[in-house]
N, C-alpha and C. Protein backbone atom coordinates (compact mmCIF):
# COMPACT_ATOMS: atom_id res chain seq x y z
N UNK A 1 -16.62 -18.12 10.95
CA UNK A 1 -17.56 -17.35 10.48
C UNK A 1 -18.50 -17.44 9.25
N UNK A 2 -19.83 -17.25 9.28
CA UNK A 2 -20.46 -18.06 8.16
C UNK A 2 -20.16 -17.44 7.07
N UNK A 3 -19.50 -16.28 6.81
CA UNK A 3 -19.18 -15.48 5.43
C UNK A 3 -18.04 -15.73 4.91
N UNK A 4 -16.78 -16.33 5.67
CA UNK A 4 -15.49 -16.32 5.55
C UNK A 4 -15.14 -16.85 6.19
N UNK A 5 -13.36 -17.17 5.80
CA UNK A 5 -12.81 -17.82 6.46
C UNK A 5 -11.26 -17.29 6.69
N UNK A 6 -10.55 -17.54 7.40
CA UNK A 6 -9.28 -16.69 7.50
C UNK A 6 -7.98 -17.93 8.00
N UNK A 7 -7.15 -18.27 7.39
CA UNK A 7 -5.95 -19.26 7.17
C UNK A 7 -4.37 -18.79 7.76
N UNK A 8 -3.83 -19.25 8.62
CA UNK A 8 -2.80 -18.54 8.32
C UNK A 8 -1.79 -20.33 8.30
N UNK A 9 -0.70 -20.05 7.44
CA UNK A 9 0.02 -21.08 7.42
C UNK A 9 1.27 -20.30 6.97
N UNK A 10 2.29 -21.32 6.67
CA UNK A 10 3.75 -20.65 6.60
C UNK A 10 3.52 -21.36 4.80
N UNK A 11 3.79 -20.55 3.97
CA UNK A 11 3.90 -21.02 2.49
C UNK A 11 5.09 -21.39 2.00
N UNK A 12 5.12 -22.67 1.27
CA UNK A 12 6.39 -23.52 1.37
C UNK A 12 7.21 -22.77 0.46
N UNK A 13 8.38 -22.29 -0.35
CA UNK A 13 8.49 -22.20 -1.88
C UNK A 13 8.18 -22.74 -2.79
N UNK A 14 8.16 -24.02 -2.69
CA UNK A 14 7.94 -25.00 -3.91
C UNK A 14 5.87 -24.89 -4.49
N UNK A 15 4.89 -24.22 -3.49
CA UNK A 15 3.87 -23.78 -3.96
C UNK A 15 3.80 -22.30 -4.14
N UNK A 16 2.94 -22.19 -4.88
CA UNK A 16 2.28 -20.81 -5.41
C UNK A 16 0.95 -21.07 -4.44
N UNK A 17 0.72 -19.50 -3.87
CA UNK A 17 -0.96 -19.43 -3.40
C UNK A 17 -1.99 -20.03 -3.81
N UNK A 18 -2.07 -19.79 -5.15
CA UNK A 18 -2.86 -20.10 -5.84
C UNK A 18 -3.40 -21.87 -6.03
N UNK A 19 -1.85 -22.79 -5.78
CA UNK A 19 -2.14 -24.03 -5.89
C UNK A 19 -2.49 -24.26 -4.31
N UNK A 20 -2.12 -23.40 -3.05
CA UNK A 20 -2.61 -24.05 -1.98
C UNK A 20 -4.03 -23.68 -1.76
N UNK A 21 -4.56 -22.46 -2.22
CA UNK A 21 -5.75 -22.23 -2.20
C UNK A 21 -6.90 -23.25 -2.89
N UNK A 22 -6.64 -23.46 -4.17
CA UNK A 22 -6.98 -24.28 -4.85
C UNK A 22 -7.29 -26.10 -3.87
N UNK A 23 -6.35 -26.50 -3.53
CA UNK A 23 -6.28 -27.20 -2.67
C UNK A 23 -6.91 -27.46 -1.43
N UNK A 24 -7.21 -26.29 -0.51
CA UNK A 24 -7.55 -25.90 0.34
C UNK A 24 -9.28 -26.01 0.13
N UNK A 25 -9.68 -25.34 -1.01
CA UNK A 25 -10.86 -25.10 -1.57
C UNK A 25 -11.52 -26.44 -1.67
N UNK A 26 -10.89 -27.29 -2.66
CA UNK A 26 -11.11 -28.43 -3.34
C UNK A 26 -11.26 -29.48 -2.40
N UNK A 27 -10.61 -29.79 -1.38
CA UNK A 27 -10.66 -30.62 -0.34
C UNK A 27 -11.35 -30.46 0.61
N UNK A 28 -11.89 -29.46 0.76
CA UNK A 28 -13.06 -28.91 1.94
C UNK A 28 -14.43 -28.98 1.18
N UNK A 29 -14.53 -28.58 0.23
CA UNK A 29 -15.76 -28.92 -0.57
C UNK A 29 -16.07 -30.06 -0.75
N UNK A 30 -14.91 -31.08 -1.37
CA UNK A 30 -15.75 -32.47 -1.40
C UNK A 30 -15.66 -32.75 -0.06
N UNK A 31 -14.89 -32.77 0.97
CA UNK A 31 -15.31 -33.37 2.41
C UNK A 31 -17.00 -32.79 2.79
N UNK A 32 -16.91 -31.76 2.57
CA UNK A 32 -18.51 -30.87 3.11
C UNK A 32 -19.50 -31.72 2.54
N UNK A 33 -19.13 -32.02 0.94
CA UNK A 33 -20.46 -32.77 0.31
C UNK A 33 -20.60 -34.24 0.38
N UNK A 34 -19.57 -34.77 0.51
CA UNK A 34 -19.20 -36.09 0.94
C UNK A 34 -19.66 -36.25 2.14
N UNK A 35 -19.83 -36.11 2.70
CA UNK A 35 -20.44 -35.82 4.47
C UNK A 35 -21.75 -35.30 4.85
N UNK A 36 -22.33 -34.78 3.71
CA UNK A 36 -23.96 -34.34 3.71
C UNK A 36 -23.54 -32.87 4.96
N UNK A 37 -22.89 -32.37 4.97
CA UNK A 37 -22.75 -31.42 6.36
C UNK A 37 -23.79 -30.42 6.52
N UNK A 38 -24.28 -29.86 4.98
CA UNK A 38 -25.07 -28.67 4.50
C UNK A 38 -25.94 -29.64 3.61
N UNK A 39 -27.06 -29.29 3.56
CA UNK A 39 -28.56 -29.42 3.22
C UNK A 39 -28.36 -29.04 1.39
N UNK A 40 -27.82 -28.22 1.14
CA UNK A 40 -27.60 -27.88 -0.31
C UNK A 40 -25.96 -28.44 -0.49
N UNK A 41 -25.43 -28.47 -1.86
CA UNK A 41 -24.29 -28.71 -2.28
C UNK A 41 -23.23 -27.30 -2.02
N UNK A 42 -22.21 -27.52 -1.15
CA UNK A 42 -21.29 -26.93 -0.96
C UNK A 42 -20.46 -26.16 -2.16
N UNK A 43 -20.15 -24.80 -2.26
CA UNK A 43 -19.13 -24.42 -3.17
C UNK A 43 -18.65 -23.21 -2.72
N UNK A 44 -17.34 -23.07 -3.02
CA UNK A 44 -16.51 -21.71 -2.60
C UNK A 44 -16.94 -20.71 -3.42
N UNK A 45 -16.84 -19.30 -3.40
CA UNK A 45 -16.93 -18.09 -4.21
C UNK A 45 -15.73 -18.25 -4.67
N UNK A 46 -15.78 -17.62 -6.07
CA UNK A 46 -14.55 -17.46 -6.89
C UNK A 46 -13.75 -16.63 -5.73
N UNK A 47 -12.61 -16.42 -6.24
CA UNK A 47 -11.46 -15.95 -6.04
C UNK A 47 -11.08 -16.06 -4.26
N UNK A 48 -10.11 -14.95 -3.88
CA UNK A 48 -9.83 -15.61 -2.78
C UNK A 48 -8.64 -13.58 -2.12
N UNK A 49 -8.23 -13.52 -1.10
CA UNK A 49 -7.70 -12.41 -0.64
C UNK A 49 -6.33 -13.44 0.17
N UNK A 50 -5.25 -12.85 0.09
CA UNK A 50 -4.08 -13.55 0.84
C UNK A 50 -3.08 -12.12 1.16
N UNK A 51 -2.72 -12.36 2.08
CA UNK A 51 -1.53 -11.17 2.64
C UNK A 51 -0.49 -12.26 3.22
N UNK A 52 0.32 -11.76 2.95
CA UNK A 52 1.64 -11.98 4.03
C UNK A 52 2.08 -10.98 4.99
N UNK A 53 2.28 -12.06 5.90
CA UNK A 53 2.56 -11.13 7.63
C UNK A 53 4.17 -11.62 7.78
N UNK A 54 4.75 -10.45 8.37
CA UNK A 54 5.85 -10.88 8.89
C UNK A 54 6.05 -11.74 10.08
N UNK A 55 7.13 -12.27 10.28
CA UNK A 55 7.07 -13.18 11.38
C UNK A 55 6.48 -12.28 12.64
N UNK A 56 7.33 -11.16 12.95
CA UNK A 56 7.09 -10.43 13.68
C UNK A 56 5.83 -10.41 14.59
N UNK A 57 4.94 -10.75 13.46
CA UNK A 57 3.30 -10.30 14.24
C UNK A 57 2.53 -11.74 13.73
N UNK A 58 2.96 -12.67 13.74
CA UNK A 58 2.28 -14.05 13.33
C UNK A 58 1.67 -14.59 14.77
N UNK A 59 2.08 -13.68 15.78
CA UNK A 59 1.44 -14.01 17.03
C UNK A 59 0.17 -13.26 17.44
N UNK A 60 0.08 -12.18 16.54
CA UNK A 60 -1.13 -11.30 16.62
C UNK A 60 -2.05 -11.70 15.76
N UNK A 61 -1.52 -12.11 14.66
CA UNK A 61 -2.61 -12.15 13.47
C UNK A 61 -3.05 -14.14 13.95
N UNK A 62 -2.36 -14.75 14.68
CA UNK A 62 -3.16 -15.86 15.11
C UNK A 62 -4.35 -15.50 16.17
N UNK A 63 -3.93 -14.60 17.26
CA UNK A 63 -5.06 -14.19 18.18
C UNK A 63 -6.08 -13.31 17.13
N UNK A 64 -5.69 -12.96 16.26
CA UNK A 64 -7.28 -12.14 15.67
C UNK A 64 -7.98 -13.43 14.97
N UNK A 65 -7.48 -14.17 14.39
CA UNK A 65 -8.15 -15.42 13.84
C UNK A 65 -8.80 -15.89 15.17
N UNK A 66 -8.34 -16.17 15.91
CA UNK A 66 -8.68 -17.60 16.96
C UNK A 66 -9.90 -16.43 18.02
N UNK A 67 -10.09 -14.97 17.80
CA UNK A 67 -10.87 -14.57 18.24
C UNK A 67 -11.99 -13.39 17.28
N UNK A 68 -11.75 -14.34 15.87
CA UNK A 68 -12.77 -13.47 14.70
C UNK A 68 -14.53 -13.05 15.55
N UNK A 69 -14.98 -14.11 16.24
CA UNK A 69 -16.15 -14.25 16.16
C UNK A 69 -16.36 -12.59 17.38
N UNK A 70 -15.63 -12.52 18.28
CA UNK A 70 -15.57 -11.32 19.45
C UNK A 70 -15.41 -10.19 18.38
N UNK A 71 -14.16 -10.37 17.43
CA UNK A 71 -13.84 -9.17 16.62
C UNK A 71 -14.62 -8.82 15.59
N UNK A 72 -15.63 -9.57 15.10
CA UNK A 72 -16.75 -9.25 13.85
C UNK A 72 -18.05 -9.06 14.44
N UNK A 73 -18.17 -9.26 16.01
CA UNK A 73 -19.22 -8.92 16.68
C UNK A 73 -19.31 -7.25 16.96
N UNK A 74 -18.37 -6.50 16.65
CA UNK A 74 -18.00 -5.16 16.79
C UNK A 74 -17.97 -4.88 15.07
N UNK A 75 -17.74 -5.18 14.66
CA UNK A 75 -17.41 -4.59 13.15
C UNK A 75 -17.43 -5.96 11.82
N UNK A 76 -18.51 -5.72 11.09
CA UNK A 76 -18.42 -6.47 9.79
C UNK A 76 -17.22 -6.93 9.39
N UNK A 77 -17.56 -7.90 8.40
CA UNK A 77 -16.23 -8.12 7.70
C UNK A 77 -15.90 -7.23 6.14
N UNK A 78 -17.14 -6.85 6.27
CA UNK A 78 -16.99 -5.79 4.98
C UNK A 78 -16.63 -4.61 5.45
N UNK A 79 -17.17 -4.20 6.44
CA UNK A 79 -16.45 -3.27 6.99
C UNK A 79 -14.76 -2.91 7.38
N UNK A 80 -14.51 -4.33 7.72
CA UNK A 80 -13.15 -4.24 8.34
C UNK A 80 -12.26 -4.15 6.58
N UNK A 81 -12.79 -4.95 5.87
CA UNK A 81 -12.46 -5.39 4.45
C UNK A 81 -12.09 -3.80 3.72
N UNK A 82 -13.22 -2.57 3.77
CA UNK A 82 -13.32 -1.46 3.49
C UNK A 82 -12.36 -0.66 4.20
N UNK A 83 -12.17 -0.62 5.00
CA UNK A 83 -11.27 -0.07 6.20
C UNK A 83 -9.66 -0.26 5.43
N UNK A 84 -9.50 -1.66 5.42
CA UNK A 84 -8.55 -2.20 5.64
C UNK A 84 -7.92 -1.66 3.88
N UNK A 85 -8.60 -1.54 2.88
CA UNK A 85 -8.68 -1.21 1.38
C UNK A 85 -8.32 0.48 1.68
N UNK A 86 -8.87 1.07 2.28
CA UNK A 86 -8.82 2.55 2.67
C UNK A 86 -7.65 2.81 2.66
N UNK A 87 -7.05 2.63 4.24
CA UNK A 87 -5.66 2.67 4.89
C UNK A 87 -4.74 2.09 4.07
N UNK A 88 -4.92 0.93 3.31
CA UNK A 88 -3.64 0.83 2.28
C UNK A 88 -3.60 1.11 1.06
N UNK A 89 -4.43 1.52 0.40
CA UNK A 89 -4.59 2.28 -0.79
C UNK A 89 -4.57 1.05 -1.98
N UNK A 90 -5.12 -0.01 -1.68
CA UNK A 90 -5.66 -1.03 -2.48
C UNK A 90 -6.75 -0.32 -3.31
N UNK A 91 -6.94 -0.45 -4.81
CA UNK A 91 -7.89 -0.50 -5.27
C UNK A 91 -9.06 -1.44 -5.37
N UNK A 92 -10.26 -1.30 -4.84
CA UNK A 92 -11.39 -2.42 -4.72
C UNK A 92 -11.76 -2.96 -5.81
N UNK A 93 -11.93 -4.28 -5.71
CA UNK A 93 -12.33 -5.52 -6.56
C UNK A 93 -13.33 -4.79 -6.90
């Protein structure tokens, strides 16, 4: 998707989510900029959202991520995010 990315991974107990995200953002930014993959300098936005999922739904989450393009053709990321916040009673940032 052009405006966000979804990652599904098993988090090691020795690493925090912030350490993993920092490494992902840093490594990918460096790779994109070193290889001139886009005309402007690439930088990630500040912040991220992270959610844990139980092992029983990993397959469904994987399927969702694999089919993002079709999913977001029906509903924008912003619409989906707002629905998620409303459903789970999370305070919007």
